[in-house]
Protein backbone atom coordinates (compact mmCIF):
# COMPACT_ATOMS: atom_id res chain seq x y z
CA UNK A 1 30.06 -47.88 -81.81
CA UNK A 2 30.12 -45.78 -78.58
CA UNK A 3 32.97 -46.02 -76.30
CA UNK A 4 32.84 -48.29 -73.41
CA UNK A 5 32.22 -46.82 -69.90
CA UNK A 6 35.85 -47.14 -69.13
CA UNK A 7 36.82 -45.37 -72.30
CA UNK A 8 34.22 -42.57 -71.62
CA UNK A 9 35.52 -42.13 -68.07
CA UNK A 10 39.10 -41.56 -69.33
CA UNK A 11 37.68 -39.12 -72.09
CA UNK A 12 35.83 -37.26 -69.19
CA UNK A 13 38.81 -36.96 -67.09
CA UNK A 14 40.96 -35.44 -69.96
CA UNK A 15 38.07 -33.35 -71.04
CA UNK A 16 37.41 -31.87 -67.37
CA UNK A 17 41.14 -31.04 -67.00
CA UNK A 18 41.14 -28.97 -70.37
CA UNK A 19 37.78 -27.60 -69.63
CA UNK A 20 38.96 -26.15 -66.26
CA UNK A 21 42.10 -24.88 -67.63
CA UNK A 22 40.31 -23.26 -70.38
CA UNK A 23 42.64 -25.07 -72.80
CA UNK A 24 40.93 -25.58 -76.22
CA UNK A 25 44.10 -27.40 -77.68
CA UNK A 26 43.93 -30.05 -75.00
CA UNK A 27 40.10 -30.20 -75.15
CA UNK A 28 40.35 -31.00 -79.08
CA UNK A 29 42.54 -34.30 -77.99
CA UNK A 30 39.48 -35.72 -76.75
CA UNK A 31 36.81 -33.99 -79.11
CA UNK A 32 35.94 -34.49 -82.51
CA UNK A 33 36.89 -31.94 -85.23
CA UNK A 34 33.30 -31.16 -85.53
CA UNK A 35 32.52 -30.83 -81.68
CA UNK A 36 29.63 -28.75 -80.83
CA UNK A 37 28.92 -27.18 -77.48
CA UNK A 38 25.22 -26.57 -76.86
CA UNK A 39 24.75 -23.78 -74.04
CA UNK A 40 22.50 -21.10 -73.09
CA UNK A 41 22.59 -17.22 -74.15
CA UNK A 42 22.23 -14.68 -71.11
CA UNK A 43 18.39 -14.46 -72.12
CA UNK A 44 18.20 -18.20 -71.83
CA UNK A 45 17.80 -19.16 -75.34
CA UNK A 46 20.02 -22.05 -76.94
CA UNK A 47 23.28 -21.22 -78.26
CA UNK A 48 25.38 -23.84 -80.42
CA UNK A 49 29.23 -23.16 -80.07
CA UNK A 50 31.26 -24.69 -82.99
CA UNK A 51 34.88 -24.35 -84.18
CA UNK A 52 38.03 -24.24 -81.82
CA UNK A 53 38.08 -20.44 -81.91
CA UNK A 54 34.56 -20.22 -80.81
CA UNK A 55 34.89 -22.92 -78.16
CA UNK A 56 38.18 -21.16 -76.83
CA UNK A 57 36.22 -17.79 -76.74
CA UNK A 58 33.15 -19.55 -74.90
CA UNK A 59 35.78 -21.11 -72.34
CA UNK A 60 37.18 -17.58 -71.46
CA UNK A 61 33.48 -16.20 -71.36
CA UNK A 62 31.79 -18.88 -69.27
CA UNK A 63 33.74 -17.57 -65.93
CA UNK A 64 33.29 -13.88 -66.81
CA UNK A 65 30.80 -13.16 -64.07
CA UNK A 66 31.62 -15.95 -61.65
CA UNK A 67 34.59 -17.06 -59.46
CA UNK A 68 35.40 -19.83 -57.25
CA UNK A 69 33.27 -22.18 -59.56
CA UNK A 70 32.93 -25.64 -58.14
CA UNK A 71 31.14 -28.68 -59.72
CA UNK A 72 29.68 -30.85 -56.98
CA UNK A 73 27.69 -33.87 -56.68
CA UNK A 74 28.86 -34.96 -60.07
CA UNK A 75 27.46 -38.18 -61.23
CA UNK A 76 28.00 -39.77 -64.91
CA UNK A 77 25.07 -41.91 -66.13
CA UNK A 78 26.29 -43.98 -69.20
CA UNK A 79 23.56 -44.88 -71.62
CA UNK A 80 24.28 -46.97 -74.85
CA UNK A 81 24.54 -43.88 -77.26
CA UNK A 82 25.20 -40.94 -74.69
CA UNK A 83 26.37 -40.23 -71.24
CA UNK A 84 24.44 -37.77 -68.99
CA UNK A 85 26.30 -35.91 -66.22
CA UNK A 86 24.15 -34.55 -63.30
CA UNK A 87 25.93 -31.79 -61.08
CA UNK A 88 25.44 -28.97 -58.61
CA UNK A 89 27.57 -25.93 -59.33
CA UNK A 90 28.42 -23.33 -57.02
CA UNK A 91 30.38 -20.07 -57.30
CA UNK A 92 30.47 -16.44 -56.17
CA UNK A 93 29.12 -13.54 -58.23
CA UNK A 94 32.07 -11.12 -59.07
CA UNK A 95 29.93 -7.96 -59.04
CA UNK A 96 28.06 -8.68 -55.72
CA UNK A 97 30.11 -11.30 -53.74
CA UNK A 98 26.69 -13.20 -53.55
CA UNK A 99 26.67 -16.97 -53.68
CA UNK A 100 25.51 -18.52 -57.13
CA UNK A 101 24.17 -21.96 -57.41
CA UNK A 102 22.60 -24.07 -60.10
CA UNK A 103 21.83 -27.66 -60.78
CA UNK A 104 22.03 -29.34 -64.30
CA UNK A 105 22.45 -32.03 -66.62
CA UNK A 106 24.78 -32.50 -69.53
CA UNK A 107 24.23 -34.71 -72.44
CA UNK A 108 27.48 -36.09 -74.27
CA UNK A 109 27.44 -38.06 -77.42
CA UNK A 110 30.66 -39.65 -79.30
CA UNK A 111 32.00 -40.07 -82.70
CA UNK A 112 34.96 -42.28 -83.60
CA UNK A 113 35.87 -42.63 -79.87
CA UNK A 114 35.73 -38.76 -79.21
CA UNK A 115 33.32 -36.62 -77.79
CA UNK A 116 31.38 -34.82 -80.36
CA UNK A 117 28.48 -33.00 -78.57
CA UNK A 118 28.11 -31.39 -75.03
CA UNK A 119 24.55 -30.43 -74.54
CA UNK A 120 24.05 -28.36 -71.17
CA UNK A 121 20.80 -27.91 -69.46
CA UNK A 122 20.79 -25.87 -66.22
CA UNK A 123 18.85 -23.78 -63.52
CA UNK A 124 19.49 -21.70 -60.82
CA UNK A 125 18.43 -23.20 -57.27
C-alpha cells in the first residue's frame, strides 16, 4: 500500500533536505535500500543510478556545472501509486555565467513506506 498524501509530504520534506545537502546517509533514511534514481546522461540518454555510493557520487556531480540552483514553481501531484512533481529549475552556468533554465517532471514510487524510485524528465526552456 502506498503512503498517504500526508506521509508522502513528510517523506519529500526529508528527501529534499538530504538532496540539497548532498547527504546520501540522510537520503537513505527515507529511501528504500534498492532506491533507483533515473536521470539523464550528458547526451540525453537514460541513466539508472543505484546503490548508496553511486547515489552519493551523483549528488556531487549534479551541481558540477551549475551554481545557485533553485527549484521554483514546485507542485506535487499525488496519484494512487505514484507522486509526480512538476518544477522549473533556474541556475547559473559556472563556465559562462549564463542563466540556465529547465522545466521538468519527476515521478516517485514507494515501497514499504519509503521512496523507491525517482524518475526525472526535464528539458531546457
